[in-house]
């Protein structure tokens, strides 16, 4: 098993394996879209739906990664990939291989990733999974802020 960490650094989420930065994810404050930069290229990452359940990472030539509980796709050979997101983490599995992502309890803490087996474009897949979980958490936070704001105004606004 390989343990990876993603930390917020200089406005980006940086993937680190202990030997220094490998790849990064840059987003806006709403986490509605972002850019993933790895050693093999630059991808745009964004949700596929309003509820931010699914996400894709794509370059000029099309989607390289799609994470969705109903239908996922990751690079490389193998069977069907399955993405299972949760509130504080998610898991991607394919052919007995696994990527488990755990968000920290707070918004600024590190993201822990455990990788079992071989994965093509690992950095891209891991940062796409991180984005998928982070964008869902941001959506929940923004919705909660909107509800709290409207509740504090009362019925007469």
N, C-alpha and C. Protein backbone atom coordinates (compact mmCIF):
# COMPACT_ATOMS: atom_id res chain seq x y z
N UNK A 1 0.84 -1.18 0.00
CA UNK A 1 0.00 0.00 0.00
C UNK A 1 0.88 1.24 0.00
N UNK A 2 0.46 2.24 -0.74
CA UNK A 2 1.17 3.52 -0.81
C UNK A 2 0.32 4.58 -0.13
N UNK A 3 0.93 5.37 0.74
CA UNK A 3 0.24 6.47 1.42
C UNK A 3 0.66 7.79 0.79
N UNK A 4 -0.32 8.59 0.39
CA UNK A 4 -0.09 9.90 -0.19
C UNK A 4 -0.81 10.95 0.65
N UNK A 5 -0.36 12.18 0.56
CA UNK A 5 -0.99 13.29 1.28
C UNK A 5 -1.21 14.44 0.31
N UNK A 6 -2.36 15.08 0.43
CA UNK A 6 -2.66 16.28 -0.34
C UNK A 6 -2.84 17.40 0.67
N UNK A 7 -2.05 18.48 0.49
CA UNK A 7 -2.09 19.63 1.41
C UNK A 7 -2.34 20.91 0.63
N UNK A 8 -2.98 21.85 1.30
CA UNK A 8 -3.18 23.18 0.71
C UNK A 8 -1.86 23.94 0.85
N UNK A 9 -1.34 24.44 -0.28
CA UNK A 9 -0.06 25.14 -0.27
C UNK A 9 -0.07 26.20 -1.37
N UNK A 10 0.16 27.44 -1.01
CA UNK A 10 0.21 28.55 -1.96
C UNK A 10 -1.01 28.59 -2.88
N UNK A 11 -2.20 28.40 -2.33
CA UNK A 11 -3.43 28.50 -3.10
C UNK A 11 -3.78 27.27 -3.92
N UNK A 12 -3.04 26.18 -3.78
CA UNK A 12 -3.32 24.96 -4.53
C UNK A 12 -3.31 23.77 -3.59
N UNK A 13 -3.95 22.70 -4.01
CA UNK A 13 -3.87 21.43 -3.31
C UNK A 13 -2.73 20.65 -3.96
N UNK A 14 -1.70 20.32 -3.17
CA UNK A 14 -0.49 19.71 -3.71
C UNK A 14 -0.40 18.26 -3.24
N UNK A 15 -0.22 17.36 -4.19
CA UNK A 15 -0.06 15.94 -3.91
C UNK A 15 1.40 15.66 -3.59
N UNK A 16 1.62 15.03 -2.44
CA UNK A 16 2.98 14.77 -1.97
C UNK A 16 3.09 13.32 -1.54
N UNK A 17 4.15 12.66 -1.97
CA UNK A 17 4.36 11.26 -1.59
C UNK A 17 5.49 11.12 -0.57
N UNK A 18 5.95 12.23 -0.01
CA UNK A 18 7.06 12.19 0.92
C UNK A 18 8.37 12.57 0.25
N UNK A 19 8.44 12.46 -1.06
CA UNK A 19 9.64 12.80 -1.81
C UNK A 19 9.50 14.17 -2.48
N UNK A 20 8.51 14.94 -2.05
CA UNK A 20 8.30 16.26 -2.64
C UNK A 20 7.03 16.30 -3.46
N UNK A 21 6.62 17.50 -3.90
CA UNK A 21 5.39 17.67 -4.68
C UNK A 21 5.43 16.89 -5.99
N UNK A 22 4.31 16.27 -6.33
CA UNK A 22 4.20 15.50 -7.57
C UNK A 22 3.24 16.13 -8.55
N UNK A 23 2.12 16.67 -8.04
CA UNK A 23 1.07 17.23 -8.89
C UNK A 23 0.26 18.22 -8.06
N UNK A 24 -0.57 19.03 -8.74
CA UNK A 24 -1.35 20.02 -8.00
C UNK A 24 -2.73 20.20 -8.60
N UNK A 25 -3.63 20.70 -7.76
CA UNK A 25 -4.99 21.03 -8.13
C UNK A 25 -5.25 22.46 -7.72
N UNK A 26 -5.62 23.32 -8.68
CA UNK A 26 -5.98 24.71 -8.39
C UNK A 26 -7.46 24.89 -8.64
N UNK A 27 -8.13 25.58 -7.71
CA UNK A 27 -9.57 25.81 -7.84
C UNK A 27 -9.90 27.24 -7.46
N UNK A 28 -11.12 27.65 -7.79
CA UNK A 28 -11.65 28.90 -7.27
C UNK A 28 -12.21 28.64 -5.88
N UNK A 29 -12.66 29.67 -5.19
CA UNK A 29 -13.13 29.50 -3.81
C UNK A 29 -14.40 28.67 -3.72
N UNK A 30 -15.22 28.62 -4.79
CA UNK A 30 -16.44 27.82 -4.76
C UNK A 30 -16.19 26.37 -5.13
N UNK A 31 -15.00 26.06 -5.62
CA UNK A 31 -14.66 24.71 -6.09
C UNK A 31 -15.63 24.22 -7.14
N UNK A 32 -16.07 25.12 -8.02
CA UNK A 32 -16.97 24.76 -9.11
C UNK A 32 -16.20 24.16 -10.29
N UNK A 33 -14.93 24.50 -10.40
CA UNK A 33 -14.08 23.92 -11.43
C UNK A 33 -12.63 24.10 -10.98
N UNK A 34 -11.73 23.48 -11.70
CA UNK A 34 -10.33 23.60 -11.33
C UNK A 34 -9.42 23.08 -12.42
N UNK A 35 -8.12 23.17 -12.16
CA UNK A 35 -7.10 22.64 -13.07
C UNK A 35 -6.18 21.71 -12.31
N UNK A 36 -5.95 20.56 -12.91
CA UNK A 36 -5.00 19.60 -12.35
C UNK A 36 -3.77 19.61 -13.23
N UNK A 37 -2.61 19.78 -12.60
CA UNK A 37 -1.34 19.76 -13.32
C UNK A 37 -0.51 18.59 -12.80
N UNK A 38 -0.15 17.70 -13.71
CA UNK A 38 0.72 16.57 -13.37
C UNK A 38 1.93 16.60 -14.29
N UNK A 39 2.83 15.66 -14.11
CA UNK A 39 3.99 15.58 -14.99
C UNK A 39 3.64 15.28 -16.43
N UNK A 40 2.44 14.74 -16.67
CA UNK A 40 2.05 14.39 -18.04
C UNK A 40 1.07 15.36 -18.67
N UNK A 41 0.70 16.44 -17.99
CA UNK A 41 -0.17 17.41 -18.66
C UNK A 41 -1.03 18.23 -17.72
N UNK A 42 -1.98 18.94 -18.34
CA UNK A 42 -2.90 19.84 -17.66
C UNK A 42 -4.32 19.42 -18.00
N UNK A 43 -5.17 19.27 -16.97
CA UNK A 43 -6.55 18.87 -17.17
C UNK A 43 -7.48 19.85 -16.48
N UNK A 44 -8.66 20.04 -17.07
CA UNK A 44 -9.72 20.81 -16.44
C UNK A 44 -10.62 19.83 -15.72
N UNK A 45 -10.94 20.13 -14.47
CA UNK A 45 -11.80 19.25 -13.68
C UNK A 45 -13.05 20.03 -13.28
N UNK A 46 -14.22 19.38 -13.40
CA UNK A 46 -15.48 20.04 -13.07
C UNK A 46 -16.56 19.00 -12.79
N UNK A 47 -17.59 19.42 -12.04
CA UNK A 47 -18.70 18.51 -11.79
C UNK A 47 -19.49 18.25 -13.07
N UNK A 48 -20.17 17.12 -13.11
CA UNK A 48 -20.99 16.78 -14.28
C UNK A 48 -22.45 17.10 -14.05
N UNK A 49 -22.82 17.50 -12.83
CA UNK A 49 -24.22 17.77 -12.52
C UNK A 49 -24.30 18.84 -11.43
N UNK A 50 -25.50 19.38 -11.24
CA UNK A 50 -25.70 20.47 -10.27
C UNK A 50 -25.42 20.05 -8.83
N UNK A 51 -25.69 18.80 -8.50
CA UNK A 51 -25.49 18.33 -7.13
C UNK A 51 -24.04 17.94 -6.87
N UNK A 52 -23.22 17.99 -7.90
CA UNK A 52 -21.79 17.69 -7.81
C UNK A 52 -21.53 16.25 -7.37
N UNK A 53 -22.37 15.34 -7.84
CA UNK A 53 -22.18 13.93 -7.53
C UNK A 53 -21.05 13.35 -8.37
N UNK A 54 -21.04 13.67 -9.65
CA UNK A 54 -20.00 13.18 -10.56
C UNK A 54 -19.06 14.30 -10.98
N UNK A 55 -17.83 13.94 -11.33
CA UNK A 55 -16.85 14.91 -11.84
C UNK A 55 -16.09 14.30 -13.01
N UNK A 56 -15.55 15.16 -13.86
CA UNK A 56 -14.67 14.72 -14.93
C UNK A 56 -13.40 15.55 -14.93
N UNK A 57 -12.33 14.92 -15.36
CA UNK A 57 -11.07 15.62 -15.62
C UNK A 57 -10.82 15.42 -17.10
N UNK A 58 -10.70 16.51 -17.84
CA UNK A 58 -10.55 16.40 -19.29
C UNK A 58 -9.46 17.32 -19.82
N UNK A 59 -8.89 16.89 -20.93
CA UNK A 59 -7.92 17.70 -21.67
C UNK A 59 -8.55 17.98 -23.03
N UNK A 60 -7.78 18.50 -23.95
CA UNK A 60 -8.30 18.81 -25.28
C UNK A 60 -8.91 17.60 -25.97
N UNK A 61 -8.31 16.44 -25.76
CA UNK A 61 -8.74 15.23 -26.47
C UNK A 61 -9.91 14.50 -25.82
N UNK A 62 -10.48 15.02 -24.73
CA UNK A 62 -11.64 14.40 -24.11
C UNK A 62 -11.40 14.04 -22.66
N UNK A 63 -12.40 13.38 -22.08
CA UNK A 63 -12.34 13.04 -20.65
C UNK A 63 -11.33 11.93 -20.41
N UNK A 64 -10.45 12.16 -19.47
CA UNK A 64 -9.47 11.15 -19.07
C UNK A 64 -9.96 10.38 -17.85
N UNK A 65 -10.69 11.10 -16.96
CA UNK A 65 -11.21 10.48 -15.74
C UNK A 65 -12.65 10.94 -15.57
N UNK A 66 -13.51 10.00 -15.25
CA UNK A 66 -14.89 10.31 -14.89
C UNK A 66 -15.20 9.52 -13.62
N UNK A 67 -15.55 10.24 -12.55
CA UNK A 67 -15.92 9.59 -11.30
C UNK A 67 -17.38 9.88 -11.03
N UNK A 68 -18.18 8.85 -11.01
CA UNK A 68 -19.61 8.96 -10.80
C UNK A 68 -20.07 7.64 -10.21
N UNK A 69 -20.92 7.65 -9.19
CA UNK A 69 -21.36 6.38 -8.61
C UNK A 69 -22.07 5.47 -9.61
N UNK A 70 -22.65 6.05 -10.66
CA UNK A 70 -23.36 5.24 -11.65
C UNK A 70 -22.46 4.74 -12.77
N UNK A 71 -21.44 5.54 -13.13
CA UNK A 71 -20.59 5.16 -14.26
C UNK A 71 -19.27 5.92 -14.17
N UNK A 72 -18.20 5.18 -13.91
CA UNK A 72 -16.88 5.80 -13.79
C UNK A 72 -15.95 5.26 -14.86
N UNK A 73 -14.93 6.05 -15.15
CA UNK A 73 -13.90 5.65 -16.10
C UNK A 73 -12.57 6.21 -15.61
N UNK A 74 -11.55 5.38 -15.60
CA UNK A 74 -10.20 5.83 -15.27
C UNK A 74 -9.26 5.29 -16.33
N UNK A 75 -8.11 5.94 -16.53
CA UNK A 75 -7.16 5.48 -17.56
C UNK A 75 -6.60 4.09 -17.25
N UNK A 76 -6.12 3.45 -18.29
CA UNK A 76 -5.44 2.17 -18.13
C UNK A 76 -6.35 0.98 -18.36
N UNK A 77 -5.73 -0.18 -18.48
CA UNK A 77 -6.50 -1.40 -18.72
C UNK A 77 -7.19 -1.87 -17.44
N UNK A 78 -8.21 -2.67 -17.62
CA UNK A 78 -8.90 -3.23 -16.46
C UNK A 78 -10.39 -3.20 -16.63
N UNK A 79 -11.05 -3.73 -15.63
CA UNK A 79 -12.50 -3.82 -15.64
C UNK A 79 -13.16 -2.50 -15.28
N UNK A 80 -14.38 -2.62 -14.82
CA UNK A 80 -15.20 -1.47 -14.47
C UNK A 80 -14.68 -0.82 -13.18
N UNK A 81 -14.55 0.49 -13.21
CA UNK A 81 -14.15 1.25 -12.02
C UNK A 81 -15.42 1.65 -11.26
N UNK A 82 -15.36 1.57 -9.94
CA UNK A 82 -16.50 1.93 -9.10
C UNK A 82 -16.09 3.03 -8.12
N UNK A 83 -16.84 4.14 -8.14
CA UNK A 83 -16.59 5.29 -7.28
C UNK A 83 -17.69 5.34 -6.23
N UNK A 84 -17.31 5.37 -4.96
CA UNK A 84 -18.25 5.43 -3.84
C UNK A 84 -17.89 6.62 -2.96
N UNK A 85 -18.51 7.79 -3.19
CA UNK A 85 -18.22 8.96 -2.35
C UNK A 85 -19.04 8.95 -1.08
N UNK A 86 -18.49 9.57 -0.04
CA UNK A 86 -19.19 9.74 1.23
C UNK A 86 -18.98 11.14 1.73
N UNK A 87 -19.40 11.42 2.95
CA UNK A 87 -19.27 12.78 3.50
C UNK A 87 -17.82 13.17 3.75
N UNK A 88 -17.03 12.29 4.29
CA UNK A 88 -15.65 12.62 4.64
C UNK A 88 -14.63 11.83 3.85
N UNK A 89 -15.08 11.08 2.87
CA UNK A 89 -14.13 10.29 2.10
C UNK A 89 -14.80 9.58 0.96
N UNK A 90 -14.00 8.89 0.21
CA UNK A 90 -14.52 8.14 -0.92
C UNK A 90 -13.56 7.03 -1.27
N UNK A 91 -14.06 6.10 -2.08
CA UNK A 91 -13.24 4.96 -2.47
C UNK A 91 -13.47 4.65 -3.94
N UNK A 92 -12.37 4.44 -4.64
CA UNK A 92 -12.40 4.03 -6.04
C UNK A 92 -11.79 2.64 -6.10
N UNK A 93 -12.51 1.72 -6.72
CA UNK A 93 -12.01 0.34 -6.83
C UNK A 93 -12.09 -0.13 -8.27
N UNK A 94 -11.15 -0.99 -8.63
CA UNK A 94 -11.17 -1.65 -9.94
C UNK A 94 -10.27 -2.86 -9.87
N UNK A 95 -10.81 -4.01 -10.23
CA UNK A 95 -10.03 -5.26 -10.30
C UNK A 95 -9.24 -5.54 -9.03
N UNK A 96 -9.83 -5.31 -7.87
CA UNK A 96 -9.14 -5.57 -6.61
C UNK A 96 -8.17 -4.48 -6.18
N UNK A 97 -7.98 -3.46 -6.98
CA UNK A 97 -7.13 -2.32 -6.63
C UNK A 97 -8.02 -1.26 -6.02
N UNK A 98 -7.43 -0.42 -5.16
CA UNK A 98 -8.24 0.52 -4.40
C UNK A 98 -7.51 1.84 -4.17
N UNK A 99 -8.26 2.93 -4.26
CA UNK A 99 -7.80 4.25 -3.84
C UNK A 99 -8.81 4.75 -2.83
N UNK A 100 -8.38 4.94 -1.59
CA UNK A 100 -9.25 5.44 -0.52
C UNK A 100 -8.80 6.85 -0.15
N UNK A 101 -9.73 7.79 -0.19
CA UNK A 101 -9.44 9.20 0.09
C UNK A 101 -10.21 9.60 1.34
N UNK A 102 -9.51 10.21 2.31
CA UNK A 102 -10.13 10.67 3.55
C UNK A 102 -9.87 12.16 3.73
N UNK A 103 -10.94 12.94 3.73
CA UNK A 103 -10.81 14.37 4.00
C UNK A 103 -10.60 14.58 5.49
N UNK A 104 -9.93 15.66 5.84
CA UNK A 104 -9.77 16.00 7.25
C UNK A 104 -11.10 16.55 7.77
N UNK A 105 -11.24 16.59 9.07
CA UNK A 105 -12.48 17.10 9.68
C UNK A 105 -12.67 18.58 9.37
N UNK A 106 -11.60 19.33 9.31
CA UNK A 106 -11.68 20.76 9.03
C UNK A 106 -11.30 21.05 7.59
N UNK A 107 -11.63 22.23 7.11
CA UNK A 107 -11.37 22.56 5.70
C UNK A 107 -9.89 22.77 5.36
N UNK A 108 -9.03 22.95 6.36
CA UNK A 108 -7.63 23.25 6.08
C UNK A 108 -6.68 22.08 6.32
N UNK A 109 -7.18 21.01 6.86
CA UNK A 109 -6.31 19.88 7.17
C UNK A 109 -5.92 19.08 5.93
N UNK A 110 -4.94 18.19 6.08
CA UNK A 110 -4.49 17.39 4.94
C UNK A 110 -5.52 16.34 4.53
N UNK A 111 -5.42 15.93 3.29
CA UNK A 111 -6.24 14.84 2.76
C UNK A 111 -5.34 13.62 2.69
N UNK A 112 -5.80 12.51 3.25
CA UNK A 112 -5.01 11.28 3.27
C UNK A 112 -5.52 10.33 2.19
N UNK A 113 -4.58 9.75 1.46
CA UNK A 113 -4.92 8.84 0.36
C UNK A 113 -4.12 7.56 0.54
N UNK A 114 -4.82 6.43 0.52
CA UNK A 114 -4.18 5.11 0.56
C UNK A 114 -4.43 4.43 -0.78
N UNK A 115 -3.35 3.99 -1.42
CA UNK A 115 -3.43 3.38 -2.74
C UNK A 115 -2.96 1.94 -2.65
N UNK A 116 -3.80 1.04 -3.16
CA UNK A 116 -3.45 -0.37 -3.24
C UNK A 116 -3.48 -0.78 -4.70
N UNK A 117 -2.43 -1.41 -5.18
CA UNK A 117 -2.38 -1.86 -6.56
C UNK A 117 -1.83 -0.81 -7.50
N UNK A 118 -1.78 -1.17 -8.77
CA UNK A 118 -1.25 -0.28 -9.82
C UNK A 118 -2.39 0.50 -10.48
N UNK A 119 -2.16 1.78 -10.70
CA UNK A 119 -3.12 2.66 -11.36
C UNK A 119 -2.39 3.49 -12.41
N UNK A 120 -2.91 3.53 -13.61
CA UNK A 120 -2.38 4.42 -14.64
C UNK A 120 -2.76 5.85 -14.28
N UNK A 121 -1.88 6.80 -14.55
CA UNK A 121 -2.13 8.22 -14.27
C UNK A 121 -2.60 8.42 -12.82
N UNK A 122 -1.89 7.82 -11.89
CA UNK A 122 -2.28 7.85 -10.48
C UNK A 122 -2.49 9.27 -9.96
N UNK A 123 -1.58 10.19 -10.25
CA UNK A 123 -1.69 11.55 -9.74
C UNK A 123 -3.00 12.20 -10.21
N UNK A 124 -3.32 12.04 -11.48
CA UNK A 124 -4.55 12.59 -12.05
C UNK A 124 -5.78 11.98 -11.39
N UNK A 125 -5.79 10.68 -11.23
CA UNK A 125 -6.94 10.00 -10.63
C UNK A 125 -7.12 10.44 -9.17
N UNK A 126 -6.04 10.50 -8.42
CA UNK A 126 -6.12 10.89 -7.00
C UNK A 126 -6.62 12.32 -6.86
N UNK A 127 -6.08 13.25 -7.63
CA UNK A 127 -6.52 14.65 -7.51
C UNK A 127 -7.95 14.84 -8.00
N UNK A 128 -8.38 14.05 -8.98
CA UNK A 128 -9.77 14.11 -9.41
C UNK A 128 -10.68 13.63 -8.29
N UNK A 129 -10.30 12.55 -7.60
CA UNK A 129 -11.08 12.06 -6.46
C UNK A 129 -11.12 13.10 -5.34
N UNK A 130 -10.00 13.75 -5.08
CA UNK A 130 -9.97 14.80 -4.05
C UNK A 130 -10.91 15.94 -4.44
N UNK A 131 -10.87 16.36 -5.69
CA UNK A 131 -11.75 17.42 -6.15
C UNK A 131 -13.22 17.01 -5.99
N UNK A 132 -13.53 15.76 -6.34
CA UNK A 132 -14.91 15.28 -6.22
C UNK A 132 -15.43 15.42 -4.80
N UNK A 133 -14.62 15.06 -3.83
CA UNK A 133 -15.03 15.16 -2.43
C UNK A 133 -15.05 16.60 -1.94
N UNK A 134 -14.05 17.38 -2.32
CA UNK A 134 -13.98 18.77 -1.90
C UNK A 134 -15.11 19.61 -2.46
N UNK A 135 -15.48 19.39 -3.73
CA UNK A 135 -16.54 20.20 -4.34
C UNK A 135 -17.89 19.88 -3.70
N UNK A 136 -18.12 18.62 -3.32
CA UNK A 136 -19.35 18.26 -2.63
C UNK A 136 -19.39 18.89 -1.24
N UNK A 137 -18.26 18.89 -0.54
CA UNK A 137 -18.22 19.51 0.78
C UNK A 137 -18.47 21.01 0.67
N UNK A 138 -17.88 21.67 -0.33
CA UNK A 138 -18.08 23.11 -0.52
C UNK A 138 -19.54 23.41 -0.83
N UNK A 139 -20.17 22.59 -1.66
CA UNK A 139 -21.58 22.79 -1.99
C UNK A 139 -22.43 22.71 -0.72
N UNK A 140 -22.18 21.72 0.14
CA UNK A 140 -22.93 21.59 1.39
C UNK A 140 -22.72 22.84 2.27
N UNK A 141 -21.49 23.33 2.33
CA UNK A 141 -21.19 24.51 3.14
C UNK A 141 -21.93 25.74 2.61
N UNK A 142 -21.91 25.94 1.30
CA UNK A 142 -22.58 27.10 0.71
C UNK A 142 -24.09 27.02 0.89
N UNK A 143 -24.66 25.81 0.76
CA UNK A 143 -26.10 25.65 0.99
C UNK A 143 -26.46 25.95 2.44
N UNK A 144 -25.63 25.47 3.36
CA UNK A 144 -25.89 25.72 4.78
C UNK A 144 -25.81 27.21 5.08
N UNK A 145 -24.85 27.90 4.48
CA UNK A 145 -24.73 29.35 4.70
C UNK A 145 -25.96 30.07 4.16
N UNK A 146 -26.47 29.64 3.01
CA UNK A 146 -27.66 30.26 2.44
C UNK A 146 -28.89 30.03 3.32
N UNK A 147 -29.03 28.83 3.84
CA UNK A 147 -30.16 28.53 4.72
C UNK A 147 -30.06 29.34 6.00
N UNK A 148 -28.88 29.39 6.59
CA UNK A 148 -28.70 30.16 7.83
C UNK A 148 -28.96 31.63 7.60
N UNK A 149 -28.52 32.14 6.45
CA UNK A 149 -28.75 33.57 6.13
C UNK A 149 -30.21 33.89 5.97
N UNK A 150 -30.95 33.01 5.31
CA UNK A 150 -32.37 33.27 5.12
C UNK A 150 -33.15 33.08 6.41
N UNK A 151 -32.71 32.17 7.27
CA UNK A 151 -33.38 31.94 8.55
C UNK A 151 -33.16 33.12 9.50
N UNK A 152 -32.00 33.77 9.42
CA UNK A 152 -31.72 34.88 10.33
C UNK A 152 -32.51 36.14 9.95
N UNK A 153 -32.95 36.23 8.71
CA UNK A 153 -33.73 37.40 8.27
C UNK A 153 -35.18 37.31 8.71
N UNK A 154 -35.65 36.11 8.96
CA UNK A 154 -37.03 35.95 9.40
C UNK A 154 -38.01 36.00 8.24
N UNK A 155 -39.31 35.86 8.53
CA UNK A 155 -40.31 35.77 7.46
C UNK A 155 -40.54 37.09 6.74
N UNK A 156 -40.26 38.22 7.35
CA UNK A 156 -40.51 39.52 6.72
C UNK A 156 -39.29 40.03 5.98
N UNK A 157 -38.18 39.29 6.00
CA UNK A 157 -36.99 39.53 5.24
C UNK A 157 -36.19 40.70 5.48
